[in-house]
């Protein structure tokens, strides 16, 4: 792809995200979302493969539908209340339409079907953008309108997302689809606490982006696209494969790794809100996701496939490690011990 075209797409992504997260008017937020959608389409279709073109088409149709719903919700609210301010969403029908629109953009259950297919059709770096940066503007809009959303509906969608993200990921062998269902499961954790503590939702999203970035960069360095290639990755860069196992366990939420922090705080907040049964159910549902994270970690570090003596020549190939992944790997593994320092300064 032309470097100028890539630069234009990246610049448009940054511009669209900035417009959406900094605007208070519905039309400006909608404009930023549209810029984001149009900017990511060339990056998804970059491989010029039928699967990539299919993923691009699916992504465009879903995002266009969600943007239409969002625009309709804002116009309905303006019609009945005279307010174009995002934080002044008060009409019940508009709140319901907005929940559906943002859930469709994020990939929350029951609007999740497009996300695994699109991520599977994209490259790893584009998949990283879809799983992190592209979810930031809709999440910001969810946070701005959190006081207007239906708690029962959002809790049901969050629990369904956690359950389906863990359940559907059990049967996958493609790493990109596994990470897509992982994203759906994590969105459930973010949504369930959205109404009660929006700042905790934002913290969970930041840490999810950090851990997902680490895993995507590691998979891109080792060229791992499915479980069968993951079993041979230890012969290429053994230290990086060991850190991949820790990053996967961190994404699963195992202590004392970074991923345990948001789940710990969410369970604590749900308990304070006298939602102990909800906290118990979503914790048990997260065990489904823990299973396929452990399977990935097992394939990455322990499983030794049948090989001959000639196969061990892979030890002689010295593949360069991307230095950009050093800081995300360190934070993904070791951020939990310094978290009290973070909260003491906020």
C-alpha atoms as a PDB file:
ATOM      1  CA  UNK A   1       0.000   0.000   0.000  1.00  0.00           C
ATOM      2  CA  UNK A   2       1.201   3.494  -0.811  1.00  0.00           C
ATOM      3  CA  UNK A   3       2.920   5.084   2.248  1.00  0.00           C
ATOM      4  CA  UNK A   4       1.063   8.341   1.608  1.00  0.00           C
ATOM      5  CA  UNK A   5      -2.250   6.470   1.673  1.00  0.00           C
ATOM      6  CA  UNK A   6      -1.295   4.750   4.934  1.00  0.00           C
ATOM      7  CA  UNK A   7      -0.323   8.085   6.453  1.00  0.00           C
ATOM      8  CA  UNK A   8      -3.614   9.632   5.337  1.00  0.00           C
ATOM      9  CA  UNK A   9      -5.576   6.757   6.874  1.00  0.00           C
ATOM     10  CA  UNK A  10      -3.699   6.932  10.181  1.00  0.00           C
ATOM     11  CA  UNK A  11      -4.087  10.715  10.327  1.00  0.00           C
ATOM     12  CA  UNK A  12      -7.817  10.393   9.635  1.00  0.00           C
ATOM     13  CA  UNK A  13      -8.125   7.797  12.389  1.00  0.00           C
ATOM     14  CA  UNK A  14      -6.489  10.133  14.880  1.00  0.00           C
ATOM     15  CA  UNK A  15      -8.600  13.062  13.658  1.00  0.00           C
ATOM     16  CA  UNK A  16     -11.896  11.149  13.824  1.00  0.00           C
ATOM     17  CA  UNK A  17     -11.132   9.787  17.298  1.00  0.00           C
ATOM     18  CA  UNK A  18     -10.162  13.252  18.566  1.00  0.00           C
ATOM     19  CA  UNK A  19     -13.312  14.861  17.148  1.00  0.00           C
ATOM     20  CA  UNK A  20     -15.600  12.267  18.728  1.00  0.00           C
ATOM     21  CA  UNK A  21     -14.072  12.181  22.204  1.00  0.00           C
ATOM     22  CA  UNK A  22     -13.836  15.984  22.452  1.00  0.00           C
ATOM     23  CA  UNK A  23     -17.284  16.935  21.151  1.00  0.00           C
ATOM     24  CA  UNK A  24     -20.474  17.677  23.079  1.00  0.00           C
ATOM     25  CA  UNK A  25     -22.710  17.995  20.006  1.00  0.00           C
ATOM     26  CA  UNK A  26     -24.272  14.905  18.460  1.00  0.00           C
ATOM     27  CA  UNK A  27     -23.495  15.935  14.884  1.00  0.00           C
ATOM     28  CA  UNK A  28     -19.795  16.453  15.611  1.00  0.00           C
ATOM     29  CA  UNK A  29     -19.568  13.091  17.382  1.00  0.00           C
ATOM     30  CA  UNK A  30     -21.317  11.412  14.447  1.00  0.00           C
ATOM     31  CA  UNK A  31     -18.923  13.118  12.013  1.00  0.00           C
ATOM     32  CA  UNK A  32     -15.911  11.805  13.944  1.00  0.00           C
ATOM     33  CA  UNK A  33     -17.310   8.269  13.883  1.00  0.00           C
ATOM     34  CA  UNK A  34     -17.844   8.465  10.121  1.00  0.00           C
ATOM     35  CA  UNK A  35     -14.287   9.696   9.557  1.00  0.00           C
ATOM     36  CA  UNK A  36     -13.032   6.760  11.624  1.00  0.00           C
ATOM     37  CA  UNK A  37     -15.059   4.261   9.612  1.00  0.00           C
ATOM     38  CA  UNK A  38     -13.916   5.591   6.243  1.00  0.00           C
ATOM     39  CA  UNK A  39     -10.283   5.750   7.404  1.00  0.00           C
ATOM     40  CA  UNK A  40     -10.058   2.118   8.526  1.00  0.00           C
ATOM     41  CA  UNK A  41     -11.630   0.615   5.373  1.00  0.00           C
ATOM     42  CA  UNK A  42      -8.470   0.901   3.166  1.00  0.00           C
ATOM     43  CA  UNK A  43      -6.388  -0.676   5.941  1.00  0.00           C
ATOM     44  CA  UNK A  44      -8.726  -3.692   6.230  1.00  0.00           C
ATOM     45  CA  UNK A  45      -8.782  -4.229   2.453  1.00  0.00           C
ATOM     46  CA  UNK A  46      -5.025  -3.733   2.130  1.00  0.00           C
ATOM     47  CA  UNK A  47      -4.101  -7.469   1.615  1.00  0.00           C
ATOM     48  CA  UNK A  48      -6.213  -7.575  -1.618  1.00  0.00           C
ATOM     49  CA  UNK A  49      -7.545 -10.988  -0.625  1.00  0.00           C
ATOM     50  CA  UNK A  50     -11.202 -12.059  -1.030  1.00  0.00           C
ATOM     51  CA  UNK A  51     -11.420 -12.597   2.731  1.00  0.00           C
ATOM     52  CA  UNK A  52     -10.146  -9.068   3.364  1.00  0.00           C
ATOM     53  CA  UNK A  53     -12.617  -7.565   0.885  1.00  0.00           C
ATOM     54  CA  UNK A  54     -15.427  -9.522   2.553  1.00  0.00           C
ATOM     55  CA  UNK A  55     -14.342  -8.251   5.973  1.00  0.00           C
ATOM     56  CA  UNK A  56     -14.226  -4.671   4.636  1.00  0.00           C
ATOM     57  CA  UNK A  57     -17.748  -4.951   3.232  1.00  0.00           C
ATOM     58  CA  UNK A  58     -19.128  -6.411   6.455  1.00  0.00           C
ATOM     59  CA  UNK A  59     -17.450  -3.742   8.542  1.00  0.00           C
ATOM     60  CA  UNK A  60     -18.776  -0.922   6.339  1.00  0.00           C
ATOM     61  CA  UNK A  61     -22.358  -2.218   6.383  1.00  0.00           C
ATOM     62  CA  UNK A  62     -22.417  -2.721  10.158  1.00  0.00           C
ATOM     63  CA  UNK A  63     -20.818   0.636  10.955  1.00  0.00           C
ATOM     64  CA  UNK A  64     -23.098   2.459   8.506  1.00  0.00           C
ATOM     65  CA  UNK A  65     -26.159   0.852  10.124  1.00  0.00           C
ATOM     66  CA  UNK A  66     -24.930   1.751  13.612  1.00  0.00           C
ATOM     67  CA  UNK A  67     -24.203   5.340  12.564  1.00  0.00           C
ATOM     68  CA  UNK A  68     -27.694   5.631  11.098  1.00  0.00           C
ATOM     69  CA  UNK A  69     -29.222   4.410  14.364  1.00  0.00           C
ATOM     70  CA  UNK A  70     -27.072   6.836  16.339  1.00  0.00           C
ATOM     71  CA  UNK A  71     -28.086   9.750  14.120  1.00  0.00           C
ATOM     72  CA  UNK A  72     -31.750   8.742  14.400  1.00  0.00           C
ATOM     73  CA  UNK A  73     -31.453   8.526  18.209  1.00  0.00           C
ATOM     74  CA  UNK A  74     -29.921  12.001  18.432  1.00  0.00           C
ATOM     75  CA  UNK A  75     -32.538  13.514  16.093  1.00  0.00           C
ATOM     76  CA  UNK A  76     -35.354  11.891  18.055  1.00  0.00           C
ATOM     77  CA  UNK A  77     -33.976  13.283  21.292  1.00  0.00           C
ATOM     78  CA  UNK A  78     -33.570  16.749  19.723  1.00  0.00           C
ATOM     79  CA  UNK A  79     -37.129  16.584  18.362  1.00  0.00           C
ATOM     80  CA  UNK A  80     -38.691  15.907  21.759  1.00  0.00           C
ATOM     81  CA  UNK A  81     -36.335  17.846  24.063  1.00  0.00           C
ATOM     82  CA  UNK A  82     -34.671  20.467  21.853  1.00  0.00           C
ATOM     83  CA  UNK A  83     -31.218  19.364  23.069  1.00  0.00           C
ATOM     84  CA  UNK A  84     -28.268  18.415  20.856  1.00  0.00           C
ATOM     85  CA  UNK A  85     -25.931  18.005  23.828  1.00  0.00           C
ATOM     86  CA  UNK A  86     -24.657  14.432  24.221  1.00  0.00           C
ATOM     87  CA  UNK A  87     -25.009  14.526  28.012  1.00  0.00           C
ATOM     88  CA  UNK A  88     -28.682  15.631  27.764  1.00  0.00           C
ATOM     89  CA  UNK A  89     -30.047  12.356  26.404  1.00  0.00           C
ATOM     90  CA  UNK A  90     -33.361  11.975  28.226  1.00  0.00           C
ATOM     91  CA  UNK A  91     -35.963  10.547  25.832  1.00  0.00           C
ATOM     92  CA  UNK A  92     -36.512   6.776  26.484  1.00  0.00           C
ATOM     93  CA  UNK A  93     -36.686   5.807  22.805  1.00  0.00           C
ATOM     94  CA  UNK A  94     -33.481   7.707  22.070  1.00  0.00           C
ATOM     95  CA  UNK A  95     -31.721   5.970  24.975  1.00  0.00           C
ATOM     96  CA  UNK A  96     -32.749   2.561  23.634  1.00  0.00           C
ATOM     97  CA  UNK A  97     -31.663   3.390  20.085  1.00  0.00           C
ATOM     98  CA  UNK A  98     -28.343   4.758  21.299  1.00  0.00           C
ATOM     99  CA  UNK A  99     -27.672   1.606  23.319  1.00  0.00           C
ATOM    100  CA  UNK A 100     -28.311  -0.503  20.215  1.00  0.00           C
ATOM    101  CA  UNK A 101     -26.139   1.746  18.012  1.00  0.00           C
ATOM    102  CA  UNK A 102     -23.125   1.845  20.339  1.00  0.00           C
ATOM    103  CA  UNK A 103     -23.441  -1.884  21.093  1.00  0.00           C
ATOM    104  CA  UNK A 104     -23.378  -2.557  17.355  1.00  0.00           C
ATOM    105  CA  UNK A 105     -20.275  -0.424  16.906  1.00  0.00           C
ATOM    106  CA  UNK A 106     -18.493  -2.123  19.812  1.00  0.00           C
ATOM    107  CA  UNK A 107     -19.636  -5.679  19.117  1.00  0.00           C
ATOM    108  CA  UNK A 108     -21.645  -6.311  22.276  1.00  0.00           C
ATOM    109  CA  UNK A 109     -24.058  -9.252  22.340  1.00  0.00           C
ATOM    110  CA  UNK A 110     -26.453  -9.577  20.500  1.00  0.00           C
ATOM    111  CA  UNK A 111     -24.710  -7.367  17.876  1.00  0.00           C
ATOM    112  CA  UNK A 112     -21.436  -9.291  17.980  1.00  0.00           C
ATOM    113  CA  UNK A 113     -21.615 -11.521  14.889  1.00  0.00           C
ATOM    114  CA  UNK A 114     -19.593  -9.241  12.620  1.00  0.00           C
ATOM    115  CA  UNK A 115     -16.562  -8.722  14.843  1.00  0.00           C
ATOM    116  CA  UNK A 116     -14.858 -12.186  14.740  1.00  0.00           C
ATOM    117  CA  UNK A 117     -15.334 -12.406  10.975  1.00  0.00           C
ATOM    118  CA  UNK A 118     -13.923  -8.934  10.321  1.00  0.00           C
ATOM    119  CA  UNK A 119     -10.956  -9.508  12.632  1.00  0.00           C
ATOM    120  CA  UNK A 120     -10.227 -12.832  10.936  1.00  0.00           C
ATOM    121  CA  UNK A 121     -10.189 -11.157   7.515  1.00  0.00           C
ATOM    122  CA  UNK A 122      -7.838  -8.357   8.582  1.00  0.00           C
ATOM    123  CA  UNK A 123      -4.094  -8.456   9.195  1.00  0.00           C
ATOM    124  CA  UNK A 124      -2.755  -8.549  12.758  1.00  0.00           C
ATOM    125  CA  UNK A 125      -1.853  -4.857  12.881  1.00  0.00           C
ATOM    126  CA  UNK A 126      -5.222  -3.826  11.431  1.00  0.00           C
ATOM    127  CA  UNK A 127      -6.884  -6.219  13.875  1.00  0.00           C
ATOM    128  CA  UNK A 128      -5.054  -4.409  16.669  1.00  0.00           C
ATOM    129  CA  UNK A 129      -6.551  -1.111  15.480  1.00  0.00           C
ATOM    130  CA  UNK A 130     -10.029  -2.649  15.272  1.00  0.00           C
ATOM    131  CA  UNK A 131      -9.786  -4.123  18.771  1.00  0.00           C
ATOM    132  CA  UNK A 132      -8.394  -1.025  20.493  1.00  0.00           C
ATOM    133  CA  UNK A 133      -8.448   2.420  18.841  1.00  0.00           C
ATOM    134  CA  UNK A 134     -11.703   1.879  16.924  1.00  0.00           C
ATOM    135  CA  UNK A 135     -13.494   1.011  20.183  1.00  0.00           C
ATOM    136  CA  UNK A 136     -12.366   4.165  21.967  1.00  0.00           C
ATOM    137  CA  UNK A 137     -14.867   6.705  20.475  1.00  0.00           C
ATOM    138  CA  UNK A 138     -17.966   4.488  21.037  1.00  0.00           C
ATOM    139  CA  UNK A 139     -16.787   3.712  24.577  1.00  0.00           C
ATOM    140  CA  UNK A 140     -16.399   7.451  25.229  1.00  0.00           C
ATOM    141  CA  UNK A 141     -19.955   8.065  24.035  1.00  0.00           C
ATOM    142  CA  UNK A 142     -21.190   5.262  26.288  1.00  0.00           C
ATOM    143  CA  UNK A 143     -19.475   6.934  29.242  1.00  0.00           C
ATOM    144  CA  UNK A 144     -20.892  10.388  28.409  1.00  0.00           C
ATOM    145  CA  UNK A 145     -24.446   9.001  28.289  1.00  0.00           C
ATOM    146  CA  UNK A 146     -24.068   6.431  31.093  1.00  0.00           C
ATOM    147  CA  UNK A 147     -26.522   8.249  33.388  1.00  0.00           C
ATOM    148  CA  UNK A 148     -29.286   7.894  30.765  1.00  0.00           C
ATOM    149  CA  UNK A 149     -28.909   4.190  29.969  1.00  0.00           C
ATOM    150  CA  UNK A 150     -31.124   1.356  31.189  1.00  0.00           C
ATOM    151  CA  UNK A 151     -29.236  -0.528  33.958  1.00  0.00           C
ATOM    152  CA  UNK A 152     -31.182  -3.782  33.529  1.00  0.00           C
ATOM    153  CA  UNK A 153     -30.659  -3.916  29.760  1.00  0.00           C
ATOM    154  CA  UNK A 154     -26.980  -3.064  30.034  1.00  0.00           C
ATOM    155  CA  UNK A 155     -26.383  -5.648  32.772  1.00  0.00           C
ATOM    156  CA  UNK A 156     -28.111  -8.343  30.700  1.00  0.00           C
ATOM    157  CA  UNK A 157     -26.057  -7.483  27.592  1.00  0.00           C
ATOM    158  CA  UNK A 158     -22.847  -7.412  29.648  1.00  0.00           C
ATOM    159  CA  UNK A 159     -23.457 -10.847  31.173  1.00  0.00           C
ATOM    160  CA  UNK A 160     -24.452 -12.270  27.776  1.00  0.00           C
ATOM    161  CA  UNK A 161     -21.261 -10.848  26.233  1.00  0.00           C
ATOM    162  CA  UNK A 162     -19.081 -12.368  28.948  1.00  0.00           C
ATOM    163  CA  UNK A 163     -20.796 -15.740  28.570  1.00  0.00           C
ATOM    164  CA  UNK A 164     -20.713 -15.845  24.771  1.00  0.00           C
ATOM    165  CA  UNK A 165     -17.176 -14.473  24.547  1.00  0.00           C
ATOM    166  CA  UNK A 166     -15.911 -17.296  26.723  1.00  0.00           C
ATOM    167  CA  UNK A 167     -18.141 -20.009  25.292  1.00  0.00           C
ATOM    168  CA  UNK A 168     -17.559 -19.285  21.598  1.00  0.00           C
ATOM    169  CA  UNK A 169     -13.807 -18.941  22.069  1.00  0.00           C
ATOM    170  CA  UNK A 170     -13.491 -22.529  23.291  1.00  0.00           C
ATOM    171  CA  UNK A 171     -13.931 -24.004  19.819  1.00  0.00           C
ATOM    172  CA  UNK A 172     -11.570 -21.705  17.900  1.00  0.00           C
ATOM    173  CA  UNK A 173      -8.158 -22.511  16.459  1.00  0.00           C
ATOM    174  CA  UNK A 174      -7.446 -19.142  14.796  1.00  0.00           C
ATOM    175  CA  UNK A 175      -5.700 -16.689  17.118  1.00  0.00           C
ATOM    176  CA  UNK A 176      -7.468 -13.643  15.659  1.00  0.00           C
ATOM    177  CA  UNK A 177     -10.906 -15.152  16.279  1.00  0.00           C
ATOM    178  CA  UNK A 178      -9.877 -16.120  19.811  1.00  0.00           C
ATOM    179  CA  UNK A 179      -8.806 -12.524  20.475  1.00  0.00           C
ATOM    180  CA  UNK A 180     -12.085 -11.287  18.948  1.00  0.00           C
ATOM    181  CA  UNK A 181     -14.145 -13.353  21.386  1.00  0.00           C
ATOM    182  CA  UNK A 182     -11.785 -12.233  24.140  1.00  0.00           C
ATOM    183  CA  UNK A 183     -12.631  -8.639  23.201  1.00  0.00           C
ATOM    184  CA  UNK A 184     -16.366  -9.399  23.400  1.00  0.00           C
ATOM    185  CA  UNK A 185     -15.884 -10.915  26.854  1.00  0.00           C
ATOM    186  CA  UNK A 186     -13.920  -7.900  28.093  1.00  0.00           C
ATOM    187  CA  UNK A 187     -16.571  -5.554  26.727  1.00  0.00           C
ATOM    188  CA  UNK A 188     -19.015  -7.338  29.003  1.00  0.00           C
ATOM    189  CA  UNK A 189     -16.851  -6.473  32.032  1.00  0.00           C
ATOM    190  CA  UNK A 190     -16.653  -2.834  30.921  1.00  0.00           C
ATOM    191  CA  UNK A 191     -20.394  -2.522  30.307  1.00  0.00           C
ATOM    192  CA  UNK A 192     -21.560  -4.064  33.561  1.00  0.00           C
ATOM    193  CA  UNK A 193     -19.863  -1.366  35.628  1.00  0.00           C
ATOM    194  CA  UNK A 194     -20.516   1.511  33.211  1.00  0.00           C
ATOM    195  CA  UNK A 195     -23.528   3.024  34.994  1.00  0.00           C
ATOM    196  CA  UNK A 196     -22.151   2.672  38.518  1.00  0.00           C
ATOM    197  CA  UNK A 197     -18.544   3.785  37.965  1.00  0.00           C
ATOM    198  CA  UNK A 198     -17.698   5.192  34.497  1.00  0.00           C
ATOM    199  CA  UNK A 199     -14.100   5.927  35.502  1.00  0.00           C
ATOM    200  CA  UNK A 200     -13.589   2.241  36.259  1.00  0.00           C
ATOM    201  CA  UNK A 201     -14.905   1.409  32.783  1.00  0.00           C
ATOM    202  CA  UNK A 202     -12.299   3.744  31.302  1.00  0.00           C
ATOM    203  CA  UNK A 203      -9.528   2.183  33.407  1.00  0.00           C
ATOM    204  CA  UNK A 204     -10.618  -1.305  32.317  1.00  0.00           C
ATOM    205  CA  UNK A 205     -10.572  -0.197  28.680  1.00  0.00           C
ATOM    206  CA  UNK A 206      -7.080   1.281  28.988  1.00  0.00           C
ATOM    207  CA  UNK A 207      -5.691  -1.885  30.561  1.00  0.00           C
ATOM    208  CA  UNK A 208      -7.472  -4.058  27.993  1.00  0.00           C
ATOM    209  CA  UNK A 209      -5.885  -1.999  25.185  1.00  0.00           C
ATOM    210  CA  UNK A 210      -2.474  -2.377  26.831  1.00  0.00           C
ATOM    211  CA  UNK A 211      -2.724  -6.166  27.131  1.00  0.00           C
ATOM    212  CA  UNK A 212      -4.246  -6.628  23.670  1.00  0.00           C
ATOM    213  CA  UNK A 213      -1.527  -4.472  22.098  1.00  0.00           C
ATOM    214  CA  UNK A 214       1.123  -6.648  23.731  1.00  0.00           C
ATOM    215  CA  UNK A 215      -0.405  -9.864  22.410  1.00  0.00           C
ATOM    216  CA  UNK A 216      -1.024  -8.564  18.882  1.00  0.00           C
ATOM    217  CA  UNK A 217       2.525  -7.200  18.578  1.00  0.00           C
ATOM    218  CA  UNK A 218       3.966 -10.475  19.847  1.00  0.00           C
ATOM    219  CA  UNK A 219       1.848 -12.529  17.436  1.00  0.00           C
ATOM    220  CA  UNK A 220       2.873 -10.227  14.585  1.00  0.00           C
ATOM    221  CA  UNK A 221       6.570 -10.629  15.433  1.00  0.00           C
ATOM    222  CA  UNK A 222       6.367 -14.421  15.580  1.00  0.00           C
ATOM    223  CA  UNK A 223       3.851 -14.653  12.675  1.00  0.00           C
ATOM    224  CA  UNK A 224       1.418 -16.768  14.689  1.00  0.00           C
ATOM    225  CA  UNK A 225      -2.014 -16.986  13.045  1.00  0.00           C
ATOM    226  CA  UNK A 226      -3.324 -20.287  14.441  1.00  0.00           C
ATOM    227  CA  UNK A 227      -2.692 -22.756  17.240  1.00  0.00           C
ATOM    228  CA  UNK A 228      -0.714 -25.171  15.076  1.00  0.00           C
ATOM    229  CA  UNK A 229       1.894 -22.478  14.336  1.00  0.00           C
ATOM    230  CA  UNK A 230       1.920 -21.375  17.958  1.00  0.00           C
ATOM    231  CA  UNK A 231       3.290 -24.767  18.991  1.00  0.00           C
ATOM    232  CA  UNK A 232       6.461 -24.095  16.971  1.00  0.00           C
ATOM    233  CA  UNK A 233       6.917 -20.455  18.003  1.00  0.00           C
ATOM    234  CA  UNK A 234       9.177 -21.332  20.942  1.00  0.00           C
ATOM    235  CA  UNK A 235      11.948 -22.306  18.514  1.00  0.00           C
ATOM    236  CA  UNK A 236      12.053 -18.814  16.963  1.00  0.00           C
ATOM    237  CA  UNK A 237      12.278 -16.411  19.914  1.00  0.00           C
ATOM    238  CA  UNK A 238      12.110 -18.337  23.220  1.00  0.00           C
ATOM    239  CA  UNK A 239      12.126 -15.280  25.556  1.00  0.00           C
ATOM    240  CA  UNK A 240       9.310 -13.601  23.606  1.00  0.00           C
ATOM    241  CA  UNK A 241       7.257 -16.794  23.709  1.00  0.00           C
ATOM    242  CA  UNK A 242       7.654 -16.966  27.481  1.00  0.00           C
ATOM    243  CA  UNK A 243       6.426 -13.386  27.854  1.00  0.00           C
ATOM    244  CA  UNK A 244       3.521 -14.213  25.499  1.00  0.00           C
ATOM    245  CA  UNK A 245       2.386 -16.856  27.988  1.00  0.00           C
ATOM    246  CA  UNK A 246       2.448 -14.292  30.820  1.00  0.00           C
ATOM    247  CA  UNK A 247       0.600 -11.746  28.663  1.00  0.00           C
ATOM    248  CA  UNK A 248      -2.118 -14.297  27.887  1.00  0.00           C
ATOM    249  CA  UNK A 249      -2.502 -15.140  31.566  1.00  0.00           C
ATOM    250  CA  UNK A 250      -2.669 -11.415  32.311  1.00  0.00           C
ATOM    251  CA  UNK A 251      -5.460 -11.000  29.753  1.00  0.00           C
ATOM    252  CA  UNK A 252      -7.227 -13.889  31.485  1.00  0.00           C
ATOM    253  CA  UNK A 253      -7.126 -11.924  34.747  1.00  0.00           C
ATOM    254  CA  UNK A 254      -4.907 -14.151  36.857  1.00  0.00           C
ATOM    255  CA  UNK A 255      -3.159 -12.539  39.852  1.00  0.00           C
ATOM    256  CA  UNK A 256      -0.528 -11.172  40.359  1.00  0.00           C
ATOM    257  CA  UNK A 257      -0.577  -9.942  36.739  1.00  0.00           C
ATOM    258  CA  UNK A 258      -1.984  -6.641  35.466  1.00  0.00           C
ATOM    259  CA  UNK A 259      -5.222  -8.102  34.096  1.00  0.00           C
ATOM    260  CA  UNK A 260      -6.375  -9.019  37.587  1.00  0.00           C
ATOM    261  CA  UNK A 261      -6.629  -5.331  38.587  1.00  0.00           C
ATOM    262  CA  UNK A 262      -9.760  -4.294  36.609  1.00  0.00           C
ATOM    263  CA  UNK A 263     -11.658  -7.488  37.441  1.00  0.00           C
ATOM    264  CA  UNK A 264     -10.800  -7.106  41.104  1.00  0.00           C
ATOM    265  CA  UNK A 265     -12.028  -3.503  41.178  1.00  0.00           C
ATOM    266  CA  UNK A 266     -15.193  -4.312  39.200  1.00  0.00           C
ATOM    267  CA  UNK A 267     -16.125  -7.152  41.557  1.00  0.00           C
ATOM    268  CA  UNK A 268     -15.481  -4.848  44.508  1.00  0.00           C
ATOM    269  CA  UNK A 269     -17.678  -2.088  43.025  1.00  0.00           C
ATOM    270  CA  UNK A 270     -20.511  -4.517  42.201  1.00  0.00           C
ATOM    271  CA  UNK A 271     -20.391  -5.765  45.786  1.00  0.00           C
ATOM    272  CA  UNK A 272     -20.649  -2.173  47.059  1.00  0.00           C
ATOM    273  CA  UNK A 273     -23.723  -1.715  44.854  1.00  0.00           C
ATOM    274  CA  UNK A 274     -25.300  -4.798  46.524  1.00  0.00           C
ATOM    275  CA  UNK A 275     -25.022  -6.814  43.290  1.00  0.00           C
ATOM    276  CA  UNK A 276     -23.193  -9.755  44.809  1.00  0.00           C
ATOM    277  CA  UNK A 277     -25.094 -12.340  42.748  1.00  0.00           C
ATOM    278  CA  UNK A 278     -24.252 -10.475  39.515  1.00  0.00           C
ATOM    279  CA  UNK A 279     -20.593 -10.290  40.503  1.00  0.00           C
ATOM    280  CA  UNK A 280     -20.577 -14.012  41.271  1.00  0.00           C
ATOM    281  CA  UNK A 281     -22.187 -14.959  37.949  1.00  0.00           C
ATOM    282  CA  UNK A 282     -19.879 -12.814  35.803  1.00  0.00           C
ATOM    283  CA  UNK A 283     -16.844 -14.141  37.703  1.00  0.00           C
ATOM    284  CA  UNK A 284     -17.892 -17.727  37.024  1.00  0.00           C
ATOM    285  CA  UNK A 285     -18.551 -16.919  33.362  1.00  0.00           C
ATOM    286  CA  UNK A 286     -15.031 -15.528  33.029  1.00  0.00           C
ATOM    287  CA  UNK A 287     -13.710 -19.017  33.817  1.00  0.00           C
ATOM    288  CA  UNK A 288     -14.807 -20.051  30.313  1.00  0.00           C
ATOM    289  CA  UNK A 289     -12.405 -17.521  28.854  1.00  0.00           C
ATOM    290  CA  UNK A 290      -9.691 -18.611  31.264  1.00  0.00           C
ATOM    291  CA  UNK A 291      -9.792 -22.076  29.704  1.00  0.00           C
ATOM    292  CA  UNK A 292      -8.878 -20.975  26.180  1.00  0.00           C
ATOM    293  CA  UNK A 293      -6.281 -18.515  27.501  1.00  0.00           C
ATOM    294  CA  UNK A 294      -4.635 -21.418  29.319  1.00  0.00           C
ATOM    295  CA  UNK A 295      -4.843 -23.487  26.135  1.00  0.00           C
ATOM    296  CA  UNK A 296      -3.053 -20.728  24.212  1.00  0.00           C
ATOM    297  CA  UNK A 297      -0.399 -20.440  26.911  1.00  0.00           C
ATOM    298  CA  UNK A 298       0.013 -24.212  26.926  1.00  0.00           C
ATOM    299  CA  UNK A 299       0.478 -24.305  23.148  1.00  0.00           C
ATOM    300  CA  UNK A 300       2.917 -21.394  23.264  1.00  0.00           C
ATOM    301  CA  UNK A 301       5.308 -22.718  25.891  1.00  0.00           C
ATOM    302  CA  UNK A 302       4.826 -26.366  26.798  1.00  0.00           C
ATOM    303  CA  UNK A 303       3.634 -28.364  23.807  1.00  0.00           C
ATOM    304  CA  UNK A 304       6.486 -29.801  21.756  1.00  0.00           C
ATOM    305  CA  UNK A 305       5.292 -30.993  18.332  1.00  0.00           C
ATOM    306  CA  UNK A 306       6.787 -34.079  16.641  1.00  0.00           C
ATOM    307  CA  UNK A 307      10.015 -32.994  14.994  1.00  0.00           C
ATOM    308  CA  UNK A 308      13.221 -34.311  13.514  1.00  0.00           C
ATOM    309  CA  UNK A 309      16.795 -33.239  14.148  1.00  0.00           C
ATOM    310  CA  UNK A 310      16.744 -31.009  11.076  1.00  0.00           C
ATOM    311  CA  UNK A 311      13.777 -29.161  12.524  1.00  0.00           C
ATOM    312  CA  UNK A 312      15.953 -27.757  15.297  1.00  0.00           C
ATOM    313  CA  UNK A 313      17.769 -25.618  12.725  1.00  0.00           C
ATOM    314  CA  UNK A 314      15.168 -22.982  13.505  1.00  0.00           C
ATOM    315  CA  UNK A 315      17.300 -22.184  16.540  1.00  0.00           C
ATOM    316  CA  UNK A 316      19.836 -20.690  14.149  1.00  0.00           C
ATOM    317  CA  UNK A 317      17.409 -18.065  12.804  1.00  0.00           C
ATOM    318  CA  UNK A 318      17.801 -14.870  14.810  1.00  0.00           C
ATOM    319  CA  UNK A 319      14.647 -12.865  14.246  1.00  0.00           C
ATOM    320  CA  UNK A 320      14.733  -9.265  15.396  1.00  0.00           C
ATOM    321  CA  UNK A 321      12.302  -8.346  18.175  1.00  0.00           C
ATOM    322  CA  UNK A 322      10.250  -5.187  17.823  1.00  0.00           C
ATOM    323  CA  UNK A 323      11.505  -2.819  20.508  1.00  0.00           C
ATOM    324  CA  UNK A 324       8.108  -1.071  20.573  1.00  0.00           C
ATOM    325  CA  UNK A 325       6.636  -4.118  22.319  1.00  0.00           C
ATOM    326  CA  UNK A 326       9.078  -3.942  25.252  1.00  0.00           C
ATOM    327  CA  UNK A 327       7.150  -1.360  27.284  1.00  0.00           C
ATOM    328  CA  UNK A 328       3.677  -2.908  26.710  1.00  0.00           C
ATOM    329  CA  UNK A 329       5.011  -6.341  27.686  1.00  0.00           C
ATOM    330  CA  UNK A 330       6.514  -4.956  30.901  1.00  0.00           C
ATOM    331  CA  UNK A 331       3.325  -3.089  31.864  1.00  0.00           C
ATOM    332  CA  UNK A 332       1.105  -6.050  30.956  1.00  0.00           C
ATOM    333  CA  UNK A 333       2.989  -8.295  33.353  1.00  0.00           C
ATOM    334  CA  UNK A 334       4.101  -5.997  36.173  1.00  0.00           C
ATOM    335  CA  UNK A 335       1.608  -3.116  36.527  1.00  0.00           C
ATOM    336  CA  UNK A 336      -0.438  -4.623  39.389  1.00  0.00           C
ATOM    337  CA  UNK A 337       2.188  -4.126  42.161  1.00  0.00           C
ATOM    338  CA  UNK A 338       2.412  -0.380  41.421  1.00  0.00           C
ATOM    339  CA  UNK A 339      -1.354   0.127  41.098  1.00  0.00           C
ATOM    340  CA  UNK A 340      -1.740   1.471  44.694  1.00  0.00           C
ATOM    341  CA  UNK A 341       0.665   4.258  43.709  1.00  0.00           C
ATOM    342  CA  UNK A 342      -1.564   5.096  40.714  1.00  0.00           C
ATOM    343  CA  UNK A 343      -4.725   5.303  42.815  1.00  0.00           C
ATOM    344  CA  UNK A 344      -3.046   7.328  45.552  1.00  0.00           C
ATOM    345  CA  UNK A 345      -2.287  10.094  43.045  1.00  0.00           C
ATOM    346  CA  UNK A 346      -5.801  10.188  41.493  1.00  0.00           C
END
